Every structure is written in C-alpha cells, then in structure tokens.
Protein backbone atom coordinates (compact mmCIF):
# COMPACT_ATOMS: atom_id res chain seq x y z
CA MET A 1 -3.58 12.15 9.96
CA LYS A 2 -4.98 10.26 7.08
CA GLY A 3 -7.58 7.44 7.48
CA ILE A 4 -7.13 6.60 11.06
CA THR A 5 -7.84 2.89 11.86
CA PHE A 6 -6.93 0.29 14.25
CA LYS A 7 -8.56 -2.62 12.64
CA ILE A 8 -5.24 -4.49 12.81
CA LEU A 9 -4.76 -3.87 16.44
CA LEU A 10 -3.46 -7.42 17.00
CA LEU A 11 -0.50 -6.54 14.91
CA SER A 12 0.20 -3.15 16.22
CA VAL A 13 -1.83 -0.35 17.94
CA VAL A 14 0.54 2.24 16.40
CA ILE A 15 -1.03 2.42 12.84
CA PHE A 16 -3.71 4.74 14.08
CA ALA A 17 -2.90 7.22 11.30
CA ALA A 18 -0.83 5.19 8.89
CA CYS A 19 -3.63 4.69 6.30
CA ALA A 20 -4.29 8.51 6.54
CA THR A 21 -0.69 9.61 6.22
CA SER A 22 1.21 7.12 4.22
CA GLU A 23 0.32 8.36 0.75
CA ASP A 24 1.01 12.11 1.67
CA SER A 25 4.29 11.19 3.27
CA LYS A 26 5.27 9.15 0.10
CA GLU A 27 4.46 12.11 -2.17
CA GLU A 28 6.30 14.58 0.11
CA ASN A 29 9.50 12.43 0.15
CA LYS A 30 9.42 12.25 -3.66
CA ALA A 31 9.25 15.95 -3.98
CA LEU A 32 11.29 17.31 -1.10
CA ASP A 33 11.97 20.61 -2.77
CA SER A 34 8.48 21.23 -4.09
CA PHE A 35 6.43 22.67 -1.49
CA ASN A 36 3.25 24.84 -1.65
CA ALA A 37 2.57 26.20 1.93
CA GLU A 38 -1.19 26.97 1.27
CA ALA A 39 -1.87 23.56 -0.39
CA TYR A 40 0.04 21.96 2.45
CA LYS A 41 -2.04 23.72 5.15
CA ASP A 42 -5.34 22.78 3.28
CA SER A 43 -4.26 19.11 3.26
CA ILE A 44 -3.59 19.17 6.98
CA ALA A 45 -6.99 20.75 7.54
CA ALA A 46 -8.71 18.11 5.47
CA GLU A 47 -7.02 15.43 7.29
CA ARG A 48 -8.05 16.83 10.64
CA THR A 49 -11.70 17.10 9.58
CA LYS A 50 -11.51 13.44 8.51
CA SER A 51 -10.05 12.41 11.76
CA ASN A 52 -12.91 14.15 13.69
CA ILE A 53 -15.51 12.43 11.50
CA GLU A 54 -13.86 8.96 12.37
CA PHE A 55 -13.67 9.86 16.13
CA LYS A 56 -17.51 10.36 15.92
CA ASP A 57 -17.81 6.97 14.21
CA THR A 58 -18.91 4.31 16.99
CA ALA A 59 -17.54 1.57 14.78
CA HIS A 60 -13.90 2.99 14.72
CA SER A 61 -13.55 5.51 17.47
CA PRO A 62 -11.08 4.81 20.30
CA LEU A 63 -13.21 6.93 22.60
CA THR A 64 -15.15 5.45 25.38
CA SER A 65 -18.94 5.23 24.92
CA GLU A 66 -19.43 8.11 27.35
CA ASP A 67 -16.83 10.40 25.72
CA ILE A 68 -18.24 9.64 22.24
CA GLU A 69 -21.59 10.94 23.09
CA HIS A 70 -20.11 14.45 23.80
CA PHE A 71 -17.33 14.54 21.30
CA GLU A 72 -17.18 17.56 18.96
CA SER A 73 -13.48 17.83 17.88
CA LEU A 74 -9.85 16.92 18.70
CA ASP A 75 -7.74 19.86 19.72
CA PHE A 76 -4.82 20.73 17.51
CA TYR A 77 -1.97 23.19 17.47
CA PRO A 78 -2.22 25.68 14.59
CA VAL A 79 -0.56 24.25 11.44
CA ASN A 80 2.97 25.75 11.34
CA VAL A 81 5.34 24.90 8.51
CA THR A 82 8.32 25.35 10.88
CA TYR A 83 7.41 21.82 12.21
CA ARG A 84 7.68 20.31 8.95
CA VAL A 85 11.45 19.64 8.76
CA LYS A 86 13.80 18.05 6.23
CA ALA A 87 16.11 15.50 8.01
CA GLN A 88 19.05 13.53 6.92
CA PHE A 89 18.18 9.88 7.08
CA ILE A 90 20.83 7.40 8.20
CA ARG A 91 19.85 3.72 7.72
CA GLU A 92 20.69 1.31 10.42
CA GLN A 93 23.17 -1.23 9.12
CA ASN A 94 22.91 -4.04 11.60
CA ALA A 95 19.37 -3.81 12.89
CA VAL A 96 18.43 -6.20 15.66
CA ALA A 97 14.79 -7.06 16.43
CA PHE A 98 13.58 -6.40 19.92
CA GLY A 99 10.22 -6.26 21.72
CA MET A 100 9.04 -2.65 22.20
CA LYS A 101 7.75 -1.93 25.72
CA THR A 102 4.11 -1.09 25.88
CA THR A 103 1.47 0.00 28.47
CA THR A 104 0.63 -3.64 28.89
CA ASP A 105 2.70 -6.91 28.73
CA ARG A 106 2.42 -6.94 25.03
CA LEU A 107 5.82 -6.63 23.22
CA PRO A 108 5.43 -6.02 19.45
CA VAL A 109 8.60 -6.71 17.57
CA TYR A 110 10.32 -3.87 15.96
CA GLU A 111 13.69 -3.00 14.43
CA LYS A 112 15.37 0.26 14.47
CA TYR A 113 15.29 1.22 10.71
CA GLY A 114 17.36 4.42 10.96
CA GLU A 115 17.92 7.87 12.37
CA ALA A 116 16.46 11.26 11.42
CA HIS A 117 18.98 14.09 11.90
CA PHE A 118 17.56 17.58 11.86
CA GLU A 119 17.52 20.95 13.42
CA LEU A 120 14.35 22.49 15.01
CA ASN A 121 14.12 25.71 17.07
CA GLY A 122 17.87 26.12 17.18
CA LYS A 123 18.49 22.55 18.53
CA LYS A 124 20.08 19.67 16.71
CA LEU A 125 17.86 16.61 17.25
CA ILE A 126 17.82 12.88 16.46
CA LEU A 127 14.74 10.77 16.15
CA ASN A 128 14.94 7.04 15.90
CA ILE A 129 12.75 5.50 13.30
CA TYR A 130 11.40 2.03 13.72
CA GLN A 131 9.86 -0.65 11.53
CA ASN A 132 7.21 -3.13 12.80
CA GLN A 133 8.35 -6.64 11.91
CA ASP A 134 4.87 -8.06 11.50
CA LEU A 135 3.38 -5.21 9.42
CA LYS A 136 6.37 -5.28 6.93
CA LYS A 137 5.10 -8.60 5.84
CA THR A 138 1.88 -7.07 4.67
CA ALA A 139 1.46 -5.40 1.27
CA GLU A 140 -0.31 -2.32 2.71
CA TYR A 141 2.31 -1.57 5.37
CA ALA A 142 5.55 -2.97 3.86
CA ASN A 143 6.92 0.52 3.63
CA TYR A 144 5.54 1.79 6.86
CA LEU A 145 7.86 3.33 9.42
CA PHE A 146 7.07 4.49 13.02
CA ALA A 147 8.49 7.27 15.23
CA PRO A 148 7.23 7.58 18.73
CA PHE A 149 8.46 10.67 20.46
CA ALA A 150 8.10 12.73 23.59
CA ASP A 151 8.86 16.48 23.94
CA LEU A 152 8.52 19.39 26.46
CA THR A 153 4.88 19.97 25.76
CA ASN A 154 3.91 16.42 27.18
CA GLY A 155 1.71 16.85 30.29
CA HIS A 156 0.94 20.38 29.55
CA ASP A 157 -0.66 21.09 26.15
CA SER A 158 -0.06 17.56 24.73
CA TYR A 159 -0.70 14.02 26.04
CA GLY A 160 1.79 13.16 28.92
CA GLY A 161 2.62 9.65 27.37
CA GLY A 162 4.01 11.22 24.19
CA ARG A 163 2.92 11.06 20.50
CA TYR A 164 3.51 9.13 17.37
CA LEU A 165 4.47 9.88 13.71
CA ASP A 166 4.00 7.71 10.67
CA MET A 167 6.01 7.89 7.48
CA GLU A 168 7.18 5.93 4.50
CA ILE A 169 10.59 4.45 3.82
CA PRO A 170 12.39 7.31 1.82
CA GLU A 171 13.97 6.65 -1.60
CA SER A 172 16.98 8.75 -0.67
CA ASP A 173 18.88 9.87 2.44
CA GLU A 174 16.48 12.72 3.03
CA LEU A 175 13.21 12.41 4.90
CA ILE A 176 10.48 14.76 5.83
CA ILE A 177 9.54 14.74 9.51
CA ASP A 178 6.13 16.26 9.72
CA PHE A 179 5.17 17.20 13.29
CA ASN A 180 1.91 18.75 12.10
CA ARG A 181 0.70 15.26 11.67
CA ALA A 182 1.76 14.09 15.17
CA TYR A 183 -1.06 12.11 16.68
CA ASN A 184 -1.96 10.46 20.11
CA PRO A 185 -1.78 6.73 20.90
CA TYR A 186 -5.21 5.28 21.61
CA CYS A 187 -4.25 5.08 25.22
CA ALA A 188 -4.68 8.96 25.27
CA TYR A 189 -8.54 8.38 24.86
CA ASN A 190 -9.13 4.94 26.29
CA ASP A 191 -7.23 2.81 28.92
CA LYS A 192 -8.38 -0.44 27.24
CA TYR A 193 -5.71 -0.14 24.51
CA SER A 194 -2.08 -1.42 24.58
CA CYS A 195 0.25 1.35 23.24
CA PRO A 196 3.99 1.41 22.68
CA LEU A 197 6.04 3.57 25.11
CA ILE A 198 8.31 6.25 24.09
CA PRO A 199 11.96 4.95 23.90
CA LYS A 200 14.28 7.21 25.97
CA GLU A 201 16.23 7.90 22.79
CA ASN A 202 13.28 9.64 21.36
CA ILE A 203 12.60 12.06 24.22
CA LEU A 204 13.40 15.46 22.56
CA ASP A 205 14.57 18.37 24.63
CA VAL A 206 12.45 20.84 22.78
CA LYS A 207 8.74 21.92 22.59
CA ILE A 208 6.93 20.48 19.46
CA GLU A 209 3.87 22.77 19.46
CA ALA A 210 2.44 21.04 16.47
CA GLY A 211 0.01 18.20 15.75
CA VAL A 212 -2.77 17.07 18.09
CA LYS A 213 -3.07 18.14 21.67
CA LYS A 214 -4.17 16.28 24.73
CA TYR A 215 -7.64 15.08 25.05
CA GLY A 216 -9.70 16.31 28.05
CA ASN A 217 -7.98 15.55 31.29
CA HIS A 218 -5.77 12.63 29.81
C-alpha cells in the first residue's frame, strides 16, 4: 500500500501505508466514476511489489531480524474489484478528541472525522473514519484519514488483531473504501510496536477477503 514507512512512529504507528496510498486515494476520490479495472489491478500489483521490497529492507522493515532473513513475500488475497466500494461519506459535526487505545499504554489522540456508509456482499455497513490530531498538523499528512477495522476473516486468513486502511479527506460526500489496500499493523510482525486497537464500532460482520493476509503464525 504505497511507500510503507514508520519513520514517524512517535506520532503514530498507523501511517504504515500512508505514503504509499495517499496519492492513489486522492486520485480515486477525484474520479469516482472513471475506473479502469485492468489499470487498477496493475497499480495494486505494483504497490505489493514495492511493499515486499521494503519489507526486505533492514532499515525499514518491521520484521524481526530472524524473520527478515527468511522473508520472501507477504501473502495477499487476489485483487477483487468487489472490495473497492463507493461509500456515502458523512462528516462528524461535533468531533471530540480522544485517546485511541493501543497494544501498549500509548494513547494517540484522534477525532472521529466521519462515517462511510456502504454495502458489501449484501450487507449494509458503516465504517468510522478517524483523523490523528498530531499528524494533521504536518504538511505531509494534513489530509490523512485512518480506518482500522476487523472482519470475519480475522484469526483465520487475516491477522487476528484486525487491519488498517489509509485514505485522503474527500472533496465531496462520496468516498472510495478500497479493501484491496488493507494492511496489517506492525504488531502483526513484531511485538515491539505499539498499535491502535480496532474500535468496536469498526468490527464488521462480513468477510473482507481482500488486502494482506496474516503473516506466518501471527
């Protein structure tokens, strides 16, 4: 999911794929009705190749030193355009800052930016979208939004702790939710990281067979 990096870990461990996905998300939201399936699949394939390269890079990989020696590739679900959905985006009118729970005592400050309402596999779903209050002060991530989610694949094909999505603030009341770009928190690869937990509101009663799968026995 586009230039994966955690160099600003002290601000938030959730920007793992923000660099890699932000520009693509921005372009998709500007052209919601212009979609080339083959070009889209090629772009996802390119992002996944880039992710694998970065996971092999000892300077940036979240893997343990032992795992990185044997790393060949992340495991992904096949790209499926069904999991790229157009959602109605409803902005939060009276957002209140709160400390999002993590796997440690760290409580990064977020606000609920809005809700994405969409239908997937015959079910009407709502996904809460958040904005990190430290990241929005930076030029690079001022428009960055974050959607942690869990689904019925967790603990089976996908990481038991849930997965993350990155996106840009939309210019309209429509938003692309692209589960093919769903990625794991760094905690899925290495226990040393502090990762936001999935809010109960974002536990989806549906299988999201898209994006990255679990890594090894994690």
